[in-house]
């Protein structure tokens, strides 16, 4: 029906142009940004999934950096304990030397000078070893004096010396129990518990505790090698101290390996999640470019049809001439 006021054909062409313009605009935006989803209206569910994956990937990547920092921290602590172990070995060597009867009291005092200096350095290393301005090793918050009761055997009569690791006087009678002051004993060792965030979520940590590795923490702070009895006691105490250092280094080594494997695993997880996120969030250029070409062709055709539709009312003029 020939009409002038309502051009249905033109309206249909205009509607087609509007829809096609939106499609073409979306394709151009995807190609320009490289993102398939640029606004929530592009894919609401996909946007939520993609953002969750982004949180996981970024969390995992940061956790890998955290773990590598943790490995560096433990390597720093291990390096300090290498020197501590070397000094303990030297101190034991000095104690063995001082135990020999060929040494005079003055010579033993010379040996003790080096012995005491090494103790000071062990404490200094434990106190000064830090990473990112934070102390690595634990502390000792308190000491108490302890007395231990021991009993003499027949073989200990009039001999004195070391009984059960304790220094006892000469002339102790068999079967007699005495209380011997064992000196200062550590009762409040405060370990430094390190928590490494080794995952993308709360609670995913790898923990390690480092005890105090100073002379007090190693229970050698009261040792001296100025006499045979003292030297013998020092050897016993140093054996225990060396074992503590070995145990601490073993724990740190195991933790470093654990952190290393954890970092490798998180890197693998991050890579796979990133690949999944790419499928959801990134532009498929083959699809988007094909969509753009299609939209451009439709745009040209719709524009031509709109021009034709606008010419249709002109035909009414021929009827009223």
C-alpha atoms as a PDB file:
ATOM      1  CA  UNK A   1       0.000   0.000   0.000  1.00  0.00           C
ATOM      2  CA  UNK A   2       1.537   3.302  -1.108  1.00  0.00           C
ATOM      3  CA  UNK A   3       1.907   5.580   1.971  1.00  0.00           C
ATOM      4  CA  UNK A   4       3.979   8.609   2.928  1.00  0.00           C
ATOM      5  CA  UNK A   5       3.728   9.097   6.719  1.00  0.00           C
ATOM      6  CA  UNK A   6       4.955   5.625   7.690  1.00  0.00           C
ATOM      7  CA  UNK A   7       7.894   4.164   5.782  1.00  0.00           C
ATOM      8  CA  UNK A   8       8.050   0.626   7.179  1.00  0.00           C
ATOM      9  CA  UNK A   9      10.813  -0.453   4.841  1.00  0.00           C
ATOM     10  CA  UNK A  10      13.031   2.412   5.968  1.00  0.00           C
ATOM     11  CA  UNK A  11      12.384   1.600   9.627  1.00  0.00           C
ATOM     12  CA  UNK A  12      13.314  -2.059   9.091  1.00  0.00           C
ATOM     13  CA  UNK A  13      16.510  -1.019   7.351  1.00  0.00           C
ATOM     14  CA  UNK A  14      17.319   1.387  10.190  1.00  0.00           C
ATOM     15  CA  UNK A  15      16.782  -1.333  12.792  1.00  0.00           C
ATOM     16  CA  UNK A  16      19.058  -3.684  10.871  1.00  0.00           C
ATOM     17  CA  UNK A  17      21.704  -0.957  10.683  1.00  0.00           C
ATOM     18  CA  UNK A  18      21.538  -0.386  14.461  1.00  0.00           C
ATOM     19  CA  UNK A  19      21.938  -4.081  15.291  1.00  0.00           C
ATOM     20  CA  UNK A  20      24.723  -4.488  12.779  1.00  0.00           C
ATOM     21  CA  UNK A  21      26.487  -1.351  14.063  1.00  0.00           C
ATOM     22  CA  UNK A  22      26.578  -2.820  17.584  1.00  0.00           C
ATOM     23  CA  UNK A  23      27.956  -6.095  16.281  1.00  0.00           C
ATOM     24  CA  UNK A  24      30.595  -4.299  14.216  1.00  0.00           C
ATOM     25  CA  UNK A  25      31.510  -2.028  17.143  1.00  0.00           C
ATOM     26  CA  UNK A  26      31.979  -5.065  19.430  1.00  0.00           C
ATOM     27  CA  UNK A  27      34.175  -6.809  16.845  1.00  0.00           C
ATOM     28  CA  UNK A  28      36.295  -3.700  16.373  1.00  0.00           C
ATOM     29  CA  UNK A  29      36.686  -3.276  20.137  1.00  0.00           C
ATOM     30  CA  UNK A  30      37.730  -6.914  20.535  1.00  0.00           C
ATOM     31  CA  UNK A  31      40.289  -6.581  17.760  1.00  0.00           C
ATOM     32  CA  UNK A  32      41.596  -3.285  19.141  1.00  0.00           C
ATOM     33  CA  UNK A  33      41.989  -4.438  22.772  1.00  0.00           C
ATOM     34  CA  UNK A  34      42.712  -8.125  22.347  1.00  0.00           C
ATOM     35  CA  UNK A  35      40.016  -8.895  24.930  1.00  0.00           C
ATOM     36  CA  UNK A  36      36.906 -10.856  24.050  1.00  0.00           C
ATOM     37  CA  UNK A  37      35.138  -9.400  27.091  1.00  0.00           C
ATOM     38  CA  UNK A  38      35.535  -5.636  27.462  1.00  0.00           C
ATOM     39  CA  UNK A  39      32.315  -4.901  29.332  1.00  0.00           C
ATOM     40  CA  UNK A  40      30.105  -6.981  31.574  1.00  0.00           C
ATOM     41  CA  UNK A  41      27.381  -7.036  28.904  1.00  0.00           C
ATOM     42  CA  UNK A  42      29.728  -8.840  26.505  1.00  0.00           C
ATOM     43  CA  UNK A  43      29.601 -12.003  28.627  1.00  0.00           C
ATOM     44  CA  UNK A  44      28.506 -11.612  32.248  1.00  0.00           C
ATOM     45  CA  UNK A  45      29.258 -15.204  33.303  1.00  0.00           C
ATOM     46  CA  UNK A  46      32.526 -15.261  31.366  1.00  0.00           C
ATOM     47  CA  UNK A  47      33.640 -12.021  33.038  1.00  0.00           C
ATOM     48  CA  UNK A  48      33.097 -13.533  36.504  1.00  0.00           C
ATOM     49  CA  UNK A  49      34.969 -16.707  35.580  1.00  0.00           C
ATOM     50  CA  UNK A  50      37.807 -14.739  34.012  1.00  0.00           C
ATOM     51  CA  UNK A  51      38.225 -12.460  37.024  1.00  0.00           C
ATOM     52  CA  UNK A  52      38.335 -15.446  39.382  1.00  0.00           C
ATOM     53  CA  UNK A  53      41.014 -17.025  37.221  1.00  0.00           C
ATOM     54  CA  UNK A  54      42.936 -13.762  37.180  1.00  0.00           C
ATOM     55  CA  UNK A  55      42.958 -13.750  40.996  1.00  0.00           C
ATOM     56  CA  UNK A  56      44.271 -17.298  41.016  1.00  0.00           C
ATOM     57  CA  UNK A  57      47.008 -16.629  38.463  1.00  0.00           C
ATOM     58  CA  UNK A  58      48.221 -13.449  40.145  1.00  0.00           C
ATOM     59  CA  UNK A  59      48.068 -15.096  43.576  1.00  0.00           C
ATOM     60  CA  UNK A  60      50.085 -18.084  42.357  1.00  0.00           C
ATOM     61  CA  UNK A  61      52.677 -15.896  40.651  1.00  0.00           C
ATOM     62  CA  UNK A  62      53.131 -13.873  43.840  1.00  0.00           C
ATOM     63  CA  UNK A  63      53.339 -17.077  45.882  1.00  0.00           C
ATOM     64  CA  UNK A  64      56.157 -18.282  43.617  1.00  0.00           C
ATOM     65  CA  UNK A  65      58.017 -15.051  44.328  1.00  0.00           C
ATOM     66  CA  UNK A  66      57.317 -15.513  48.045  1.00  0.00           C
ATOM     67  CA  UNK A  67      58.725 -19.027  47.977  1.00  0.00           C
ATOM     68  CA  UNK A  68      61.861 -17.908  46.150  1.00  0.00           C
ATOM     69  CA  UNK A  69      62.351 -15.185  48.765  1.00  0.00           C
ATOM     70  CA  UNK A  70      61.950 -17.848  51.446  1.00  0.00           C
ATOM     71  CA  UNK A  71      64.628 -19.985  49.817  1.00  0.00           C
ATOM     72  CA  UNK A  72      66.976 -16.996  49.766  1.00  0.00           C
ATOM     73  CA  UNK A  73      66.270 -16.334  53.448  1.00  0.00           C
ATOM     74  CA  UNK A  74      67.035 -19.934  54.406  1.00  0.00           C
ATOM     75  CA  UNK A  75      70.192 -19.891  52.298  1.00  0.00           C
ATOM     76  CA  UNK A  76      71.279 -16.839  54.270  1.00  0.00           C
ATOM     77  CA  UNK A  77      70.648 -18.670  57.550  1.00  0.00           C
ATOM     78  CA  UNK A  78      72.418 -21.783  56.293  1.00  0.00           C
ATOM     79  CA  UNK A  79      75.449 -19.729  55.299  1.00  0.00           C
ATOM     80  CA  UNK A  80      75.617 -18.314  58.818  1.00  0.00           C
ATOM     81  CA  UNK A  81      75.453 -21.795  60.324  1.00  0.00           C
ATOM     82  CA  UNK A  82      78.306 -22.926  58.094  1.00  0.00           C
ATOM     83  CA  UNK A  83      80.540 -20.461  59.904  1.00  0.00           C
ATOM     84  CA  UNK A  84      79.027 -21.371  63.273  1.00  0.00           C
ATOM     85  CA  UNK A  85      79.768 -25.039  62.610  1.00  0.00           C
ATOM     86  CA  UNK A  86      83.341 -24.226  61.614  1.00  0.00           C
ATOM     87  CA  UNK A  87      83.866 -22.296  64.837  1.00  0.00           C
ATOM     88  CA  UNK A  88      82.355 -25.057  66.956  1.00  0.00           C
ATOM     89  CA  UNK A  89      84.722 -27.544  65.359  1.00  0.00           C
ATOM     90  CA  UNK A  90      87.648 -25.263  66.139  1.00  0.00           C
ATOM     91  CA  UNK A  91      86.458 -24.827  69.732  1.00  0.00           C
ATOM     92  CA  UNK A  92      86.234 -28.594  70.151  1.00  0.00           C
ATOM     93  CA  UNK A  93      89.719 -28.917  68.753  1.00  0.00           C
ATOM     94  CA  UNK A  94      90.931 -26.385  71.312  1.00  0.00           C
ATOM     95  CA  UNK A  95      89.127 -28.256  74.111  1.00  0.00           C
ATOM     96  CA  UNK A  96      90.775 -31.519  73.102  1.00  0.00           C
ATOM     97  CA  UNK A  97      94.151 -29.801  73.014  1.00  0.00           C
ATOM     98  CA  UNK A  98      93.588 -28.232  76.422  1.00  0.00           C
ATOM     99  CA  UNK A  99      92.657 -31.627  77.888  1.00  0.00           C
ATOM    100  CA  UNK A 100      96.199 -32.865  77.408  1.00  0.00           C
ATOM    101  CA  UNK A 101      98.385 -33.023  80.545  1.00  0.00           C
ATOM    102  CA  UNK A 102     101.337 -31.477  78.691  1.00  0.00           C
ATOM    103  CA  UNK A 103      99.680 -28.046  78.820  1.00  0.00           C
ATOM    104  CA  UNK A 104     100.573 -25.680  81.628  1.00  0.00           C
ATOM    105  CA  UNK A 105      97.904 -23.460  83.236  1.00  0.00           C
ATOM    106  CA  UNK A 106      99.165 -20.448  81.295  1.00  0.00           C
ATOM    107  CA  UNK A 107      99.063 -22.365  78.034  1.00  0.00           C
ATOM    108  CA  UNK A 108      95.511 -23.434  78.765  1.00  0.00           C
ATOM    109  CA  UNK A 109      94.601 -19.800  79.362  1.00  0.00           C
ATOM    110  CA  UNK A 110      95.997 -18.933  75.929  1.00  0.00           C
ATOM    111  CA  UNK A 111      93.850 -21.632  74.389  1.00  0.00           C
ATOM    112  CA  UNK A 112      90.878 -20.374  76.376  1.00  0.00           C
ATOM    113  CA  UNK A 113      91.357 -16.862  74.988  1.00  0.00           C
ATOM    114  CA  UNK A 114      90.653 -18.102  71.473  1.00  0.00           C
ATOM    115  CA  UNK A 115      87.889 -20.334  72.813  1.00  0.00           C
ATOM    116  CA  UNK A 116      86.085 -17.408  74.441  1.00  0.00           C
ATOM    117  CA  UNK A 117      86.551 -15.178  71.380  1.00  0.00           C
ATOM    118  CA  UNK A 118      84.937 -17.784  69.168  1.00  0.00           C
ATOM    119  CA  UNK A 119      81.980 -17.994  71.567  1.00  0.00           C
ATOM    120  CA  UNK A 120      81.513 -14.245  71.250  1.00  0.00           C
ATOM    121  CA  UNK A 121      81.610 -14.464  67.467  1.00  0.00           C
ATOM    122  CA  UNK A 122      79.046 -17.285  67.422  1.00  0.00           C
ATOM    123  CA  UNK A 123      76.678 -15.090  69.430  1.00  0.00           C
ATOM    124  CA  UNK A 124      77.384 -12.086  67.202  1.00  0.00           C
ATOM    125  CA  UNK A 125      76.638 -14.052  64.022  1.00  0.00           C
ATOM    126  CA  UNK A 126      73.380 -15.373  65.462  1.00  0.00           C
ATOM    127  CA  UNK A 127      72.303 -11.875  66.511  1.00  0.00           C
ATOM    128  CA  UNK A 128      73.378 -10.063  63.334  1.00  0.00           C
ATOM    129  CA  UNK A 129      72.212 -12.515  60.675  1.00  0.00           C
ATOM    130  CA  UNK A 130      69.154 -10.888  59.152  1.00  0.00           C
ATOM    131  CA  UNK A 131      67.131 -10.822  55.952  1.00  0.00           C
ATOM    132  CA  UNK A 132      65.168  -7.750  54.926  1.00  0.00           C
ATOM    133  CA  UNK A 133      66.118  -6.126  58.254  1.00  0.00           C
ATOM    134  CA  UNK A 134      64.571  -8.965  60.282  1.00  0.00           C
ATOM    135  CA  UNK A 135      66.531 -11.364  62.490  1.00  0.00           C
ATOM    136  CA  UNK A 136      66.631 -14.875  61.129  1.00  0.00           C
ATOM    137  CA  UNK A 137      67.313 -16.922  64.244  1.00  0.00           C
ATOM    138  CA  UNK A 138      65.337 -17.215  67.459  1.00  0.00           C
ATOM    139  CA  UNK A 139      66.237 -15.705  70.812  1.00  0.00           C
ATOM    140  CA  UNK A 140      66.755 -16.759  74.417  1.00  0.00           C
ATOM    141  CA  UNK A 141      64.399 -14.962  76.726  1.00  0.00           C
ATOM    142  CA  UNK A 142      65.593 -16.360  80.018  1.00  0.00           C
ATOM    143  CA  UNK A 143      67.975 -18.630  81.908  1.00  0.00           C
ATOM    144  CA  UNK A 144      67.646 -20.473  85.156  1.00  0.00           C
ATOM    145  CA  UNK A 145      70.175 -22.011  87.473  1.00  0.00           C
ATOM    146  CA  UNK A 146      69.710 -25.756  87.900  1.00  0.00           C
ATOM    147  CA  UNK A 147      71.163 -28.204  90.422  1.00  0.00           C
ATOM    148  CA  UNK A 148      71.462 -31.886  89.540  1.00  0.00           C
ATOM    149  CA  UNK A 149      71.863 -34.697  92.059  1.00  0.00           C
ATOM    150  CA  UNK A 150      74.334 -37.429  91.078  1.00  0.00           C
ATOM    151  CA  UNK A 151      75.623 -40.527  92.793  1.00  0.00           C
ATOM    152  CA  UNK A 152      79.230 -41.688  92.862  1.00  0.00           C
ATOM    153  CA  UNK A 153      80.310 -45.168  91.836  1.00  0.00           C
ATOM    154  CA  UNK A 154      83.175 -47.125  93.350  1.00  0.00           C
ATOM    155  CA  UNK A 155      85.361 -46.188  90.396  1.00  0.00           C
ATOM    156  CA  UNK A 156      84.878 -42.508  91.213  1.00  0.00           C
ATOM    157  CA  UNK A 157      86.355 -42.708  94.727  1.00  0.00           C
ATOM    158  CA  UNK A 158      89.007 -40.061  95.219  1.00  0.00           C
ATOM    159  CA  UNK A 159      89.182 -39.424  91.493  1.00  0.00           C
ATOM    160  CA  UNK A 160      86.784 -36.567  90.915  1.00  0.00           C
ATOM    161  CA  UNK A 161      86.479 -35.261  87.362  1.00  0.00           C
ATOM    162  CA  UNK A 162      83.440 -35.733  85.132  1.00  0.00           C
ATOM    163  CA  UNK A 163      80.539 -37.922  86.247  1.00  0.00           C
ATOM    164  CA  UNK A 164      77.508 -38.063  83.946  1.00  0.00           C
ATOM    165  CA  UNK A 165      78.744 -34.916  82.287  1.00  0.00           C
ATOM    166  CA  UNK A 166      79.020 -33.027  85.624  1.00  0.00           C
ATOM    167  CA  UNK A 167      82.158 -31.683  87.296  1.00  0.00           C
ATOM    168  CA  UNK A 168      82.554 -33.210  90.787  1.00  0.00           C
ATOM    169  CA  UNK A 169      85.238 -32.647  93.418  1.00  0.00           C
ATOM    170  CA  UNK A 170      88.016 -35.092  94.291  1.00  0.00           C
ATOM    171  CA  UNK A 171      87.504 -37.490  97.224  1.00  0.00           C
ATOM    172  CA  UNK A 172      83.826 -38.244  96.601  1.00  0.00           C
ATOM    173  CA  UNK A 173      82.880 -41.421  98.501  1.00  0.00           C
ATOM    174  CA  UNK A 174      81.117 -44.278  96.725  1.00  0.00           C
ATOM    175  CA  UNK A 175      77.382 -44.427  97.340  1.00  0.00           C
ATOM    176  CA  UNK A 176      77.193 -40.790  98.450  1.00  0.00           C
ATOM    177  CA  UNK A 177      74.793 -38.522  96.598  1.00  0.00           C
ATOM    178  CA  UNK A 178      75.627 -34.846  96.208  1.00  0.00           C
ATOM    179  CA  UNK A 179      73.944 -31.906  94.504  1.00  0.00           C
ATOM    180  CA  UNK A 180      76.100 -30.255  91.881  1.00  0.00           C
ATOM    181  CA  UNK A 181      75.285 -26.885  90.345  1.00  0.00           C
ATOM    182  CA  UNK A 182      75.053 -27.444  86.613  1.00  0.00           C
ATOM    183  CA  UNK A 183      75.210 -23.720  85.877  1.00  0.00           C
ATOM    184  CA  UNK A 184      72.789 -21.836  83.664  1.00  0.00           C
ATOM    185  CA  UNK A 185      70.293 -23.907  81.779  1.00  0.00           C
ATOM    186  CA  UNK A 186      68.129 -22.578  78.919  1.00  0.00           C
ATOM    187  CA  UNK A 187      64.474 -22.774  79.799  1.00  0.00           C
ATOM    188  CA  UNK A 188      63.035 -20.104  77.520  1.00  0.00           C
ATOM    189  CA  UNK A 189      64.325 -20.625  74.019  1.00  0.00           C
ATOM    190  CA  UNK A 190      62.091 -18.621  71.712  1.00  0.00           C
ATOM    191  CA  UNK A 191      62.255 -19.963  68.149  1.00  0.00           C
ATOM    192  CA  UNK A 192      61.703 -17.722  65.181  1.00  0.00           C
ATOM    193  CA  UNK A 193      58.790 -19.359  63.356  1.00  0.00           C
ATOM    194  CA  UNK A 194      58.836 -18.384  59.691  1.00  0.00           C
ATOM    195  CA  UNK A 195      55.670 -18.768  57.639  1.00  0.00           C
ATOM    196  CA  UNK A 196      56.092 -18.712  53.880  1.00  0.00           C
ATOM    197  CA  UNK A 197      52.906 -18.088  51.868  1.00  0.00           C
ATOM    198  CA  UNK A 198      53.173 -20.929  49.361  1.00  0.00           C
ATOM    199  CA  UNK A 199      49.775 -20.760  47.723  1.00  0.00           C
ATOM    200  CA  UNK A 200      47.073 -18.465  46.391  1.00  0.00           C
ATOM    201  CA  UNK A 201      44.698 -18.923  49.350  1.00  0.00           C
ATOM    202  CA  UNK A 202      44.830 -18.175  53.066  1.00  0.00           C
ATOM    203  CA  UNK A 203      46.399 -20.882  55.191  1.00  0.00           C
ATOM    204  CA  UNK A 204      48.548 -22.296  52.393  1.00  0.00           C
ATOM    205  CA  UNK A 205      51.849 -21.784  54.185  1.00  0.00           C
ATOM    206  CA  UNK A 206      55.074 -23.709  54.703  1.00  0.00           C
ATOM    207  CA  UNK A 207      56.448 -23.177  58.203  1.00  0.00           C
ATOM    208  CA  UNK A 208      59.932 -23.598  59.648  1.00  0.00           C
ATOM    209  CA  UNK A 209      61.237 -22.712  63.108  1.00  0.00           C
ATOM    210  CA  UNK A 210      64.802 -21.521  63.653  1.00  0.00           C
ATOM    211  CA  UNK A 211      66.093 -21.671  67.215  1.00  0.00           C
ATOM    212  CA  UNK A 212      68.655 -19.358  68.767  1.00  0.00           C
ATOM    213  CA  UNK A 213      72.113 -20.289  67.514  1.00  0.00           C
ATOM    214  CA  UNK A 214      74.147 -18.122  69.883  1.00  0.00           C
ATOM    215  CA  UNK A 215      76.354 -19.435  72.662  1.00  0.00           C
ATOM    216  CA  UNK A 216      73.429 -19.409  75.072  1.00  0.00           C
ATOM    217  CA  UNK A 217      71.095 -21.199  72.711  1.00  0.00           C
ATOM    218  CA  UNK A 218      73.759 -23.825  72.063  1.00  0.00           C
ATOM    219  CA  UNK A 219      74.362 -24.194  75.840  1.00  0.00           C
ATOM    220  CA  UNK A 220      78.067 -23.439  75.618  1.00  0.00           C
ATOM    221  CA  UNK A 221      78.018 -19.938  77.108  1.00  0.00           C
ATOM    222  CA  UNK A 222      79.416 -21.082  80.477  1.00  0.00           C
ATOM    223  CA  UNK A 223      82.142 -23.327  79.033  1.00  0.00           C
ATOM    224  CA  UNK A 224      85.846 -22.687  79.461  1.00  0.00           C
ATOM    225  CA  UNK A 225      88.964 -24.763  78.859  1.00  0.00           C
ATOM    226  CA  UNK A 226      91.216 -23.471  81.637  1.00  0.00           C
ATOM    227  CA  UNK A 227      91.473 -26.880  83.311  1.00  0.00           C
ATOM    228  CA  UNK A 228      91.304 -30.562  82.447  1.00  0.00           C
ATOM    229  CA  UNK A 229      87.832 -30.985  83.967  1.00  0.00           C
ATOM    230  CA  UNK A 230      86.471 -27.892  82.244  1.00  0.00           C
ATOM    231  CA  UNK A 231      87.935 -28.989  78.920  1.00  0.00           C
ATOM    232  CA  UNK A 232      86.344 -32.418  79.229  1.00  0.00           C
ATOM    233  CA  UNK A 233      82.947 -30.885  79.973  1.00  0.00           C
ATOM    234  CA  UNK A 234      83.364 -28.463  77.059  1.00  0.00           C
ATOM    235  CA  UNK A 235      83.983 -31.361  74.656  1.00  0.00           C
ATOM    236  CA  UNK A 236      80.712 -32.968  75.726  1.00  0.00           C
ATOM    237  CA  UNK A 237      78.799 -29.706  75.411  1.00  0.00           C
ATOM    238  CA  UNK A 238      80.331 -28.914  72.043  1.00  0.00           C
ATOM    239  CA  UNK A 239      79.314 -32.313  70.683  1.00  0.00           C
ATOM    240  CA  UNK A 240      75.734 -31.486  71.612  1.00  0.00           C
ATOM    241  CA  UNK A 241      76.032 -27.994  70.099  1.00  0.00           C
ATOM    242  CA  UNK A 242      77.439 -29.353  66.840  1.00  0.00           C
ATOM    243  CA  UNK A 243      74.568 -31.827  66.654  1.00  0.00           C
ATOM    244  CA  UNK A 244      72.074 -28.977  67.161  1.00  0.00           C
ATOM    245  CA  UNK A 245      73.609 -27.001  64.323  1.00  0.00           C
ATOM    246  CA  UNK A 246      73.613 -30.085  62.084  1.00  0.00           C
ATOM    247  CA  UNK A 247      69.955 -30.689  62.900  1.00  0.00           C
ATOM    248  CA  UNK A 248      69.050 -27.063  62.157  1.00  0.00           C
ATOM    249  CA  UNK A 249      70.867 -27.154  58.825  1.00  0.00           C
ATOM    250  CA  UNK A 250      69.172 -30.437  57.942  1.00  0.00           C
ATOM    251  CA  UNK A 251      65.766 -28.897  58.654  1.00  0.00           C
ATOM    252  CA  UNK A 252      66.568 -25.829  56.565  1.00  0.00           C
ATOM    253  CA  UNK A 253      67.845 -27.947  53.688  1.00  0.00           C
ATOM    254  CA  UNK A 254      64.690 -30.048  53.691  1.00  0.00           C
ATOM    255  CA  UNK A 255      62.540 -26.920  53.796  1.00  0.00           C
ATOM    256  CA  UNK A 256      64.444 -25.331  50.919  1.00  0.00           C
ATOM    257  CA  UNK A 257      63.830 -28.434  48.802  1.00  0.00           C
ATOM    258  CA  UNK A 258      60.156 -28.393  49.796  1.00  0.00           C
ATOM    259  CA  UNK A 259      59.869 -24.722  48.802  1.00  0.00           C
ATOM    260  CA  UNK A 260      61.597 -25.375  45.493  1.00  0.00           C
ATOM    261  CA  UNK A 261      59.211 -28.187  44.563  1.00  0.00           C
ATOM    262  CA  UNK A 262      56.292 -26.053  45.701  1.00  0.00           C
ATOM    263  CA  UNK A 263      57.399 -23.211  43.406  1.00  0.00           C
ATOM    264  CA  UNK A 264      57.645 -25.584  40.436  1.00  0.00           C
ATOM    265  CA  UNK A 265      54.174 -26.939  41.113  1.00  0.00           C
ATOM    266  CA  UNK A 266      52.629 -23.481  41.473  1.00  0.00           C
ATOM    267  CA  UNK A 267      54.270 -22.351  38.230  1.00  0.00           C
ATOM    268  CA  UNK A 268      52.698 -25.302  36.443  1.00  0.00           C
ATOM    269  CA  UNK A 269      49.264 -24.577  37.950  1.00  0.00           C
ATOM    270  CA  UNK A 270      49.528 -20.885  37.061  1.00  0.00           C
ATOM    271  CA  UNK A 271      50.399 -21.694  33.450  1.00  0.00           C
ATOM    272  CA  UNK A 272      47.406 -23.977  33.026  1.00  0.00           C
ATOM    273  CA  UNK A 273      44.964 -21.579  34.680  1.00  0.00           C
ATOM    274  CA  UNK A 274      46.301 -18.754  32.488  1.00  0.00           C
ATOM    275  CA  UNK A 275      45.646 -20.901  29.411  1.00  0.00           C
ATOM    276  CA  UNK A 276      42.066 -21.495  30.566  1.00  0.00           C
ATOM    277  CA  UNK A 277      41.584 -17.795  31.276  1.00  0.00           C
ATOM    278  CA  UNK A 278      42.844 -16.951  27.797  1.00  0.00           C
ATOM    279  CA  UNK A 279      40.126 -19.120  26.266  1.00  0.00           C
ATOM    280  CA  UNK A 280      37.498 -17.172  28.201  1.00  0.00           C
ATOM    281  CA  UNK A 281      38.884 -13.628  28.077  1.00  0.00           C
ATOM    282  CA  UNK A 282      41.107 -13.227  25.017  1.00  0.00           C
ATOM    283  CA  UNK A 283      40.018 -12.346  21.487  1.00  0.00           C
ATOM    284  CA  UNK A 284      40.024 -15.080  18.881  1.00  0.00           C
ATOM    285  CA  UNK A 285      41.324 -12.936  16.020  1.00  0.00           C
ATOM    286  CA  UNK A 286      40.219 -15.339  13.295  1.00  0.00           C
ATOM    287  CA  UNK A 287      36.636 -15.271  14.557  1.00  0.00           C
ATOM    288  CA  UNK A 288      36.585 -11.542  15.345  1.00  0.00           C
ATOM    289  CA  UNK A 289      38.076 -10.485  11.992  1.00  0.00           C
ATOM    290  CA  UNK A 290      35.570 -12.675  10.123  1.00  0.00           C
ATOM    291  CA  UNK A 291      32.753 -11.111  12.158  1.00  0.00           C
ATOM    292  CA  UNK A 292      34.039  -7.628  11.358  1.00  0.00           C
ATOM    293  CA  UNK A 293      34.182  -8.342   7.619  1.00  0.00           C
ATOM    294  CA  UNK A 294      30.667  -9.749   7.717  1.00  0.00           C
ATOM    295  CA  UNK A 295      29.389  -6.724   9.635  1.00  0.00           C
ATOM    296  CA  UNK A 296      31.027  -4.282   7.229  1.00  0.00           C
ATOM    297  CA  UNK A 297      29.411  -5.966   4.229  1.00  0.00           C
ATOM    298  CA  UNK A 298      26.018  -6.007   5.938  1.00  0.00           C
ATOM    299  CA  UNK A 299      26.499  -2.345   6.899  1.00  0.00           C
ATOM    300  CA  UNK A 300      27.061  -1.362   3.286  1.00  0.00           C
ATOM    301  CA  UNK A 301      24.100  -3.430   2.095  1.00  0.00           C
ATOM    302  CA  UNK A 302      21.786  -2.076   4.795  1.00  0.00           C
ATOM    303  CA  UNK A 303      22.800   1.488   3.984  1.00  0.00           C
ATOM    304  CA  UNK A 304      21.988   0.906   0.323  1.00  0.00           C
ATOM    305  CA  UNK A 305      18.633  -0.636   1.207  1.00  0.00           C
ATOM    306  CA  UNK A 306      17.823   2.308   3.482  1.00  0.00           C
ATOM    307  CA  UNK A 307      18.478   4.667   0.592  1.00  0.00           C
ATOM    308  CA  UNK A 308      16.158   2.612  -1.584  1.00  0.00           C
ATOM    309  CA  UNK A 309      13.499   2.582   1.130  1.00  0.00           C
ATOM    310  CA  UNK A 310      13.683   6.353   1.428  1.00  0.00           C
ATOM    311  CA  UNK A 311      12.989   6.648  -2.302  1.00  0.00           C
ATOM    312  CA  UNK A 312       9.779   4.604  -2.135  1.00  0.00           C
ATOM    313  CA  UNK A 313       7.504   7.518  -1.016  1.00  0.00           C
ATOM    314  CA  UNK A 314       8.547   9.387  -4.147  1.00  0.00           C
ATOM    315  CA  UNK A 315       6.474   6.953  -6.184  1.00  0.00           C
ATOM    316  CA  UNK A 316       3.308   8.406  -4.617  1.00  0.00           C
ATOM    317  CA  UNK A 317       3.890  11.648  -6.525  1.00  0.00           C
ATOM    318  CA  UNK A 318       3.207   9.901  -9.790  1.00  0.00           C
ATOM    319  CA  UNK A 319      -0.249   9.058  -8.542  1.00  0.00           C
ATOM    320  CA  UNK A 320      -1.222  12.672  -7.857  1.00  0.00           C
ATOM    321  CA  UNK A 321       0.176  14.297 -10.959  1.00  0.00           C
END
